[in-house]
Protein backbone atom coordinates (compact mmCIF):
# COMPACT_ATOMS: atom_id res chain seq x y z
CA UNK A 1 -31.21 91.33 -68.23
CA UNK A 2 -30.28 87.78 -67.41
CA UNK A 3 -26.30 87.43 -67.77
CA UNK A 4 -26.57 84.35 -69.83
CA UNK A 5 -28.67 86.05 -72.63
CA UNK A 6 -26.10 88.66 -72.74
CA UNK A 7 -23.15 86.53 -72.85
CA UNK A 8 -24.74 83.77 -75.31
CA UNK A 9 -25.93 86.92 -77.55
CA UNK A 10 -22.26 88.22 -77.21
CA UNK A 11 -20.94 84.49 -78.30
CA UNK A 12 -23.00 84.46 -80.88
CA UNK A 13 -21.64 87.81 -82.39
CA UNK A 14 -18.45 86.55 -81.67
CA UNK A 15 -19.11 83.54 -83.51
CA UNK A 16 -20.27 85.17 -86.54
CA UNK A 17 -17.50 88.11 -86.48
CA UNK A 18 -14.80 85.00 -86.27
CA UNK A 19 -16.47 83.79 -89.73
CA UNK A 20 -16.07 87.41 -91.25
CA UNK A 21 -12.45 87.87 -90.04
CA UNK A 22 -11.32 84.47 -91.72
CA UNK A 23 -12.94 85.72 -95.17
CA UNK A 24 -11.32 89.05 -94.62
CA UNK A 25 -7.84 87.62 -94.63
CA UNK A 26 -8.87 85.34 -97.19
CA UNK A 27 -9.36 87.98 -99.42
CA UNK A 28 -7.02 90.35 -98.32
CA UNK A 29 -9.22 92.93 -97.02
CA UNK A 30 -7.21 95.10 -94.41
CA UNK A 31 -9.68 97.41 -93.10
CA UNK A 32 -12.03 94.59 -92.58
CA UNK A 33 -9.70 92.58 -90.28
CA UNK A 34 -8.43 95.75 -88.39
CA UNK A 35 -12.88 96.25 -87.47
CA UNK A 36 -13.38 92.67 -86.86
CA UNK A 37 -10.22 92.29 -84.68
CA UNK A 38 -11.35 95.50 -82.47
CA UNK A 39 -14.75 94.48 -82.38
CA UNK A 40 -13.68 90.82 -81.36
CA UNK A 41 -11.35 92.77 -78.45
CA UNK A 42 -14.55 94.43 -77.26
CA UNK A 43 -16.59 91.50 -77.23
CA UNK A 44 -14.14 89.37 -75.34
CA UNK A 45 -13.70 92.15 -72.72
CA UNK A 46 -17.37 92.49 -72.56
CA UNK A 47 -17.71 88.69 -71.86
CA UNK A 48 -14.99 88.84 -69.05
CA UNK A 49 -16.78 91.92 -67.19
CA UNK A 50 -19.85 89.82 -67.22
CA UNK A 51 -18.56 86.69 -65.80
CA UNK A 52 -16.37 88.29 -63.10
CA UNK A 53 -19.32 91.25 -62.36
CA UNK A 54 -22.44 89.69 -62.12
CA UNK A 55 -25.61 91.33 -61.35
CA UNK A 56 -26.69 90.95 -57.86
CA UNK A 57 -30.35 91.63 -58.51
CA UNK A 58 -32.83 89.32 -59.40
CA UNK A 59 -32.87 89.12 -63.33
CA UNK A 60 -35.13 86.65 -65.44
CA UNK A 61 -36.39 86.17 -68.85
CA UNK A 62 -39.98 84.20 -69.59
CA UNK A 63 -40.14 82.72 -73.26
CA UNK A 64 -43.70 81.48 -74.43
CA UNK A 65 -44.61 79.50 -76.99
CA UNK A 66 -47.38 77.52 -78.36
CA UNK A 67 -51.08 78.30 -79.54
CA UNK A 68 -51.15 82.14 -77.44
CA UNK A 69 -47.91 83.13 -79.25
CA UNK A 70 -47.43 84.39 -83.23
CA UNK A 71 -43.57 83.75 -83.35
CA UNK A 72 -42.28 87.11 -82.24
CA UNK A 73 -44.87 89.09 -83.06
CA UNK A 74 -47.37 89.01 -80.18
CA UNK A 75 -48.95 86.99 -77.70
CA UNK A 76 -52.33 86.79 -76.13
CA UNK A 77 -52.82 89.83 -73.77
CA UNK A 78 -55.10 87.70 -71.49
CA UNK A 79 -52.80 84.40 -71.39
CA UNK A 80 -49.91 86.92 -70.68
CA UNK A 81 -51.89 88.57 -67.76
CA UNK A 82 -52.57 85.34 -66.37
CA UNK A 83 -49.23 83.72 -66.38
CA UNK A 84 -46.91 86.90 -65.37
CA UNK A 85 -49.60 87.49 -62.63
CA UNK A 86 -49.08 83.38 -61.32
CA UNK A 87 -45.46 83.84 -61.68
CA UNK A 88 -45.07 87.07 -59.55
CA UNK A 89 -47.43 85.26 -56.99
CA UNK A 90 -45.13 82.60 -56.81
CA UNK A 91 -42.26 84.74 -56.28
CA UNK A 92 -44.40 86.69 -53.44
CA UNK A 93 -45.16 83.63 -51.53
CA UNK A 94 -42.15 81.97 -51.86
CA UNK A 95 -40.27 84.96 -50.63
CA UNK A 96 -42.52 85.56 -47.87
CA UNK A 97 -42.32 81.74 -46.85
CA UNK A 98 -38.34 81.99 -46.88
CA UNK A 99 -38.26 85.05 -44.63
CA UNK A 100 -41.14 84.25 -42.09
CA UNK A 101 -40.96 80.19 -42.32
CA UNK A 102 -45.18 80.29 -43.03
CA UNK A 103 -47.54 82.28 -44.45
CA UNK A 104 -51.09 82.14 -43.19
CA UNK A 105 -53.84 80.25 -45.17
CA UNK A 106 -56.01 83.36 -45.94
CA UNK A 107 -55.06 87.27 -46.52
CA UNK A 108 -52.55 89.50 -47.81
CA UNK A 109 -49.18 87.74 -48.51
CA UNK A 110 -46.69 89.47 -46.22
CA UNK A 111 -43.74 91.27 -47.64
CA UNK A 112 -45.23 91.29 -51.18
CA UNK A 113 -43.97 94.66 -51.69
CA UNK A 114 -40.64 93.75 -51.46
CA UNK A 115 -40.64 91.40 -54.42
CA UNK A 116 -42.32 93.17 -57.12
CA UNK A 117 -40.18 92.25 -60.59
CA UNK A 118 -40.78 95.04 -63.05
CA UNK A 119 -41.22 94.20 -66.82
CA UNK A 120 -38.05 95.87 -68.51
CA UNK A 121 -37.91 94.40 -72.00
CA UNK A 122 -39.37 91.97 -74.76
CA UNK A 123 -37.13 88.88 -75.54
CA UNK A 124 -36.03 88.20 -78.95
CA UNK A 125 -37.31 84.95 -80.89
CA UNK A 126 -40.00 83.54 -79.02
CA UNK A 127 -42.46 86.21 -77.63
CA UNK A 128 -41.46 86.88 -73.65
CA UNK A 129 -40.95 88.97 -70.88
CA UNK A 130 -37.69 90.15 -69.24
CA UNK A 131 -38.43 90.89 -65.66
CA UNK A 132 -35.88 92.63 -63.27
CA UNK A 133 -35.53 93.56 -59.85
CA UNK A 134 -34.95 97.33 -59.69
CA UNK A 135 -33.30 98.87 -56.78
CA UNK A 136 -31.39 102.27 -56.41
CA UNK A 137 -29.29 100.61 -53.48
CA UNK A 138 -25.74 99.22 -54.24
CA UNK A 139 -25.49 95.10 -53.64
CA UNK A 140 -22.07 93.42 -53.16
CA UNK A 141 -23.93 90.02 -52.64
CA UNK A 142 -27.14 88.70 -54.75
CA UNK A 143 -30.55 89.91 -52.92
CA UNK A 144 -32.78 87.68 -51.30
CA UNK A 145 -35.25 88.35 -54.19
CA UNK A 146 -32.37 86.57 -56.69
CA UNK A 147 -32.35 83.78 -54.60
CA UNK A 148 -35.75 83.42 -54.48
CA UNK A 149 -36.32 83.68 -58.21
CA UNK A 150 -33.81 80.75 -58.43
CA UNK A 151 -36.09 78.99 -56.00
CA UNK A 152 -39.10 79.37 -57.81
CA UNK A 153 -37.22 78.04 -61.19
CA UNK A 154 -36.19 74.89 -59.37
CA UNK A 155 -39.37 74.37 -57.73
CA UNK A 156 -41.13 74.45 -61.48
CA UNK A 157 -38.57 72.03 -62.80
CA UNK A 158 -38.95 69.66 -60.25
CA UNK A 159 -42.71 69.98 -60.11
CA UNK A 160 -42.94 68.94 -63.65
CA UNK A 161 -39.91 66.66 -63.91
CA UNK A 162 -40.28 63.04 -65.38
CA UNK A 163 -38.46 62.01 -62.49
CA UNK A 164 -40.78 61.24 -59.53
CA UNK A 165 -38.33 61.93 -56.72
CA UNK A 166 -38.30 65.46 -57.90
CA UNK A 167 -41.49 66.00 -57.60
CA UNK A 168 -41.65 64.60 -54.07
CA UNK A 169 -38.79 66.64 -52.93
CA UNK A 170 -40.69 69.58 -54.39
CA UNK A 171 -43.65 68.86 -52.83
CA UNK A 172 -41.96 68.76 -48.80
CA UNK A 173 -41.15 72.10 -49.46
CA UNK A 174 -44.92 73.47 -50.65
CA UNK A 175 -47.40 74.80 -48.61
CA UNK A 176 -51.24 75.34 -49.38
CA UNK A 177 -51.15 78.42 -50.97
CA UNK A 178 -48.10 78.05 -53.32
CA UNK A 179 -49.75 74.94 -54.45
CA UNK A 180 -52.59 77.01 -55.22
CA UNK A 181 -50.95 79.21 -57.38
CA UNK A 182 -48.87 76.39 -59.00
CA UNK A 183 -51.85 74.57 -59.90
CA UNK A 184 -53.20 77.53 -61.48
CA UNK A 185 -49.89 78.19 -63.35
CA UNK A 186 -49.67 75.01 -64.58
CA UNK A 187 -53.27 75.06 -65.82
CA UNK A 188 -53.19 77.63 -67.45
CA UNK A 189 -50.55 76.85 -69.81
CA UNK A 190 -51.79 73.61 -70.49
CA UNK A 191 -55.49 74.93 -70.95
CA UNK A 192 -53.85 77.03 -73.56
CA UNK A 193 -51.22 74.79 -74.85
CA UNK A 194 -48.32 77.05 -74.35
CA UNK A 195 -44.87 76.02 -73.21
CA UNK A 196 -42.34 78.42 -71.04
CA UNK A 197 -38.52 78.73 -71.45
CA UNK A 198 -37.08 80.27 -68.38
CA UNK A 199 -33.69 81.86 -68.46
CA UNK A 200 -31.49 83.15 -65.64
CA UNK A 201 -28.24 84.13 -65.01
CA UNK A 202 -26.91 80.23 -65.16
CA UNK A 203 -30.00 78.65 -65.83
CA UNK A 204 -32.03 77.81 -68.93
CA UNK A 205 -34.63 75.51 -68.42
CA UNK A 206 -37.59 74.80 -70.55
CA UNK A 207 -40.78 73.05 -70.06
CA UNK A 208 -42.61 71.39 -72.91
CA UNK A 209 -46.25 70.42 -73.03
CA UNK A 210 -45.43 66.93 -71.44
CA UNK A 211 -43.71 68.53 -68.64
CA UNK A 212 -46.76 71.21 -68.54
CA UNK A 213 -49.32 68.73 -68.40
CA UNK A 214 -47.09 66.57 -66.05
CA UNK A 215 -47.51 69.68 -63.51
CA UNK A 216 -50.83 70.05 -64.11
CA UNK A 217 -51.86 66.66 -63.17
CA UNK A 218 -49.64 66.56 -60.16
CA UNK A 219 -50.58 69.99 -58.46
CA UNK A 220 -54.39 68.79 -59.22
CA UNK A 221 -53.98 65.75 -57.49
CA UNK A 222 -52.21 66.98 -54.31
CA UNK A 223 -53.34 68.36 -51.39
CA UNK A 224 -52.08 69.84 -48.65
CA UNK A 225 -53.61 71.03 -45.07
CA UNK A 226 -51.39 73.24 -43.00
CA UNK A 227 -51.90 73.74 -39.16
CA UNK A 228 -50.13 75.47 -36.27
CA UNK A 229 -49.83 73.50 -33.44
CA UNK A 230 -47.95 73.97 -30.04
CA UNK A 231 -46.28 71.02 -28.40
CA UNK A 232 -44.27 69.67 -25.50
CA UNK A 233 -41.19 67.23 -25.26
CA UNK A 234 -37.79 66.70 -25.01
CA UNK A 235 -35.43 68.87 -27.77
CA UNK A 236 -33.17 65.46 -28.45
CA UNK A 237 -30.99 66.94 -31.54
CA UNK A 238 -30.73 70.29 -33.30
CA UNK A 239 -28.34 71.05 -36.00
CA UNK A 240 -28.27 74.63 -36.57
CA UNK A 241 -25.99 74.68 -39.67
CA UNK A 242 -28.51 72.77 -41.51
CA UNK A 243 -31.37 73.97 -39.37
CA UNK A 244 -32.71 70.63 -38.55
CA UNK A 245 -34.49 69.68 -35.21
CA UNK A 246 -35.52 66.50 -33.63
CA UNK A 247 -38.06 66.60 -30.37
CA UNK A 248 -39.68 63.63 -28.67
CA UNK A 249 -43.22 64.85 -28.06
CA UNK A 250 -45.53 63.57 -24.54
CA UNK A 251 -47.03 60.76 -26.67
CA UNK A 252 -43.60 58.98 -27.16
CA UNK A 253 -43.17 59.75 -31.18
CA UNK A 254 -40.38 61.68 -32.17
CA UNK A 255 -40.70 64.34 -34.85
CA UNK A 256 -38.19 65.58 -36.87
CA UNK A 257 -38.01 68.28 -39.87
CA UNK A 258 -36.73 71.81 -40.37
CA UNK A 259 -36.36 74.72 -38.29
CA UNK A 260 -37.00 78.49 -38.98
CA UNK A 261 -34.10 81.39 -38.73
CA UNK A 262 -35.75 82.54 -35.68
CA UNK A 263 -35.84 79.13 -33.70
CA UNK A 264 -32.02 78.64 -34.57
CA UNK A 265 -31.21 82.09 -33.53
CA UNK A 266 -33.00 81.00 -30.33
CA UNK A 267 -31.04 78.08 -29.73
CA UNK A 268 -27.77 79.54 -30.86
CA UNK A 269 -28.16 81.97 -27.97
CA UNK A 270 -29.09 79.79 -25.47
CA UNK A 271 -26.32 77.61 -26.20
CA UNK A 272 -23.66 80.25 -26.38
CA UNK A 273 -24.77 80.89 -22.54
CA UNK A 274 -23.42 77.54 -21.57
CA UNK A 275 -27.18 76.33 -20.97
CA UNK A 276 -27.57 72.73 -21.83
CA UNK A 277 -30.59 72.01 -23.85
CA UNK A 278 -30.32 68.82 -25.66
CA UNK A 279 -32.06 65.99 -23.75
CA UNK A 280 -34.29 68.67 -21.81
CA UNK A 281 -37.53 69.59 -22.03
CA UNK A 282 -38.97 72.37 -24.61
CA UNK A 283 -42.42 74.06 -25.78
CA UNK A 284 -42.44 75.08 -29.09
CA UNK A 285 -44.80 75.94 -32.05
CA UNK A 286 -44.62 73.55 -35.00
CA UNK A 287 -46.11 74.10 -38.28
CA UNK A 288 -47.71 70.63 -39.64
CA UNK A 289 -47.96 70.12 -43.02
CA UNK A 290 -50.16 67.14 -44.22
CA UNK A 291 -49.56 66.04 -47.77
CA UNK A 292 -51.54 63.73 -50.25
CA UNK A 293 -50.30 63.39 -53.63
CA UNK A 294 -50.68 61.20 -56.49
CA UNK A 295 -50.10 57.29 -55.78
CA UNK A 296 -48.11 58.29 -52.47
CA UNK A 297 -49.35 57.60 -48.89
CA UNK A 298 -50.03 60.64 -46.98
CA UNK A 299 -47.70 61.95 -44.65
CA UNK A 300 -46.82 64.37 -42.25
CA UNK A 301 -44.07 67.26 -42.55
CA UNK A 302 -42.68 69.09 -39.50
CA UNK A 303 -41.41 72.51 -39.52
CA UNK A 304 -40.20 74.25 -35.95
CA UNK A 305 -41.57 77.96 -36.08
CA UNK A 306 -40.03 79.03 -32.44
CA UNK A 307 -39.51 77.81 -29.33
CA UNK A 308 -41.55 79.21 -26.09
CA UNK A 309 -39.13 77.14 -23.66
CA UNK A 310 -36.05 75.91 -23.92
CA UNK A 311 -33.64 74.08 -21.66
């Protein structure tokens, strides 16, 4: 369960107990005072433990409201199946892209088996589901899947944000397959007159009906075409700590964008051996994304996948 939900529940109980303790002191209820104080001490320790020992595994709660939901009693099965399926698909595609730099336009999603979240419980209040990453391994740091869950939450927020610049930044990170799933996600919610609240360890966002409709309009009006091309040129700039590159290609145009983990490691390896690379010729595979979005001029976004020759 997300840490925020557990912490919020404990704090709510703490607030109620403090009120009961005040009443017990007011009316001289000695036994009540002892019990309430003991429980308050336990809650304080539990909160401290949660804050000092965060869960390294992915955990998220999805709350649904609107026409498909009847309070905390139930949710339409077909709607829930589609919503959870689309959400899991977003997780899988985002994970594959973060690990590989790009995913193919067709075929199975790479590494999908590494991204499976399990339904481990139901939310209280508005009906929803708690999804967790289950593993038999111990982890000292946040897993890659936990980071991807946070990335997807941020993506959903930006795509549906009232700030147009938030959406433009999100569009720069999208690929065509992820866009298709986003389109289905917002379409199903909007058509069903449903809203969603997403809670993680430190994040709590709500996409209301306006946000959902805004996300649908934007994703349906956006087109992304992907292509993978080999280019030749001169490497004029590279920032490995930020994974940014700049190449002057043979046509004289300078292109720039982000670099994959593999391309960055290749660059660092060449530099570590004392070989000059900046200002030298290179050959590389570049992932080019052509983006057309609502009320915006078409633009191209570049990602350097790998070097074939450098320096």
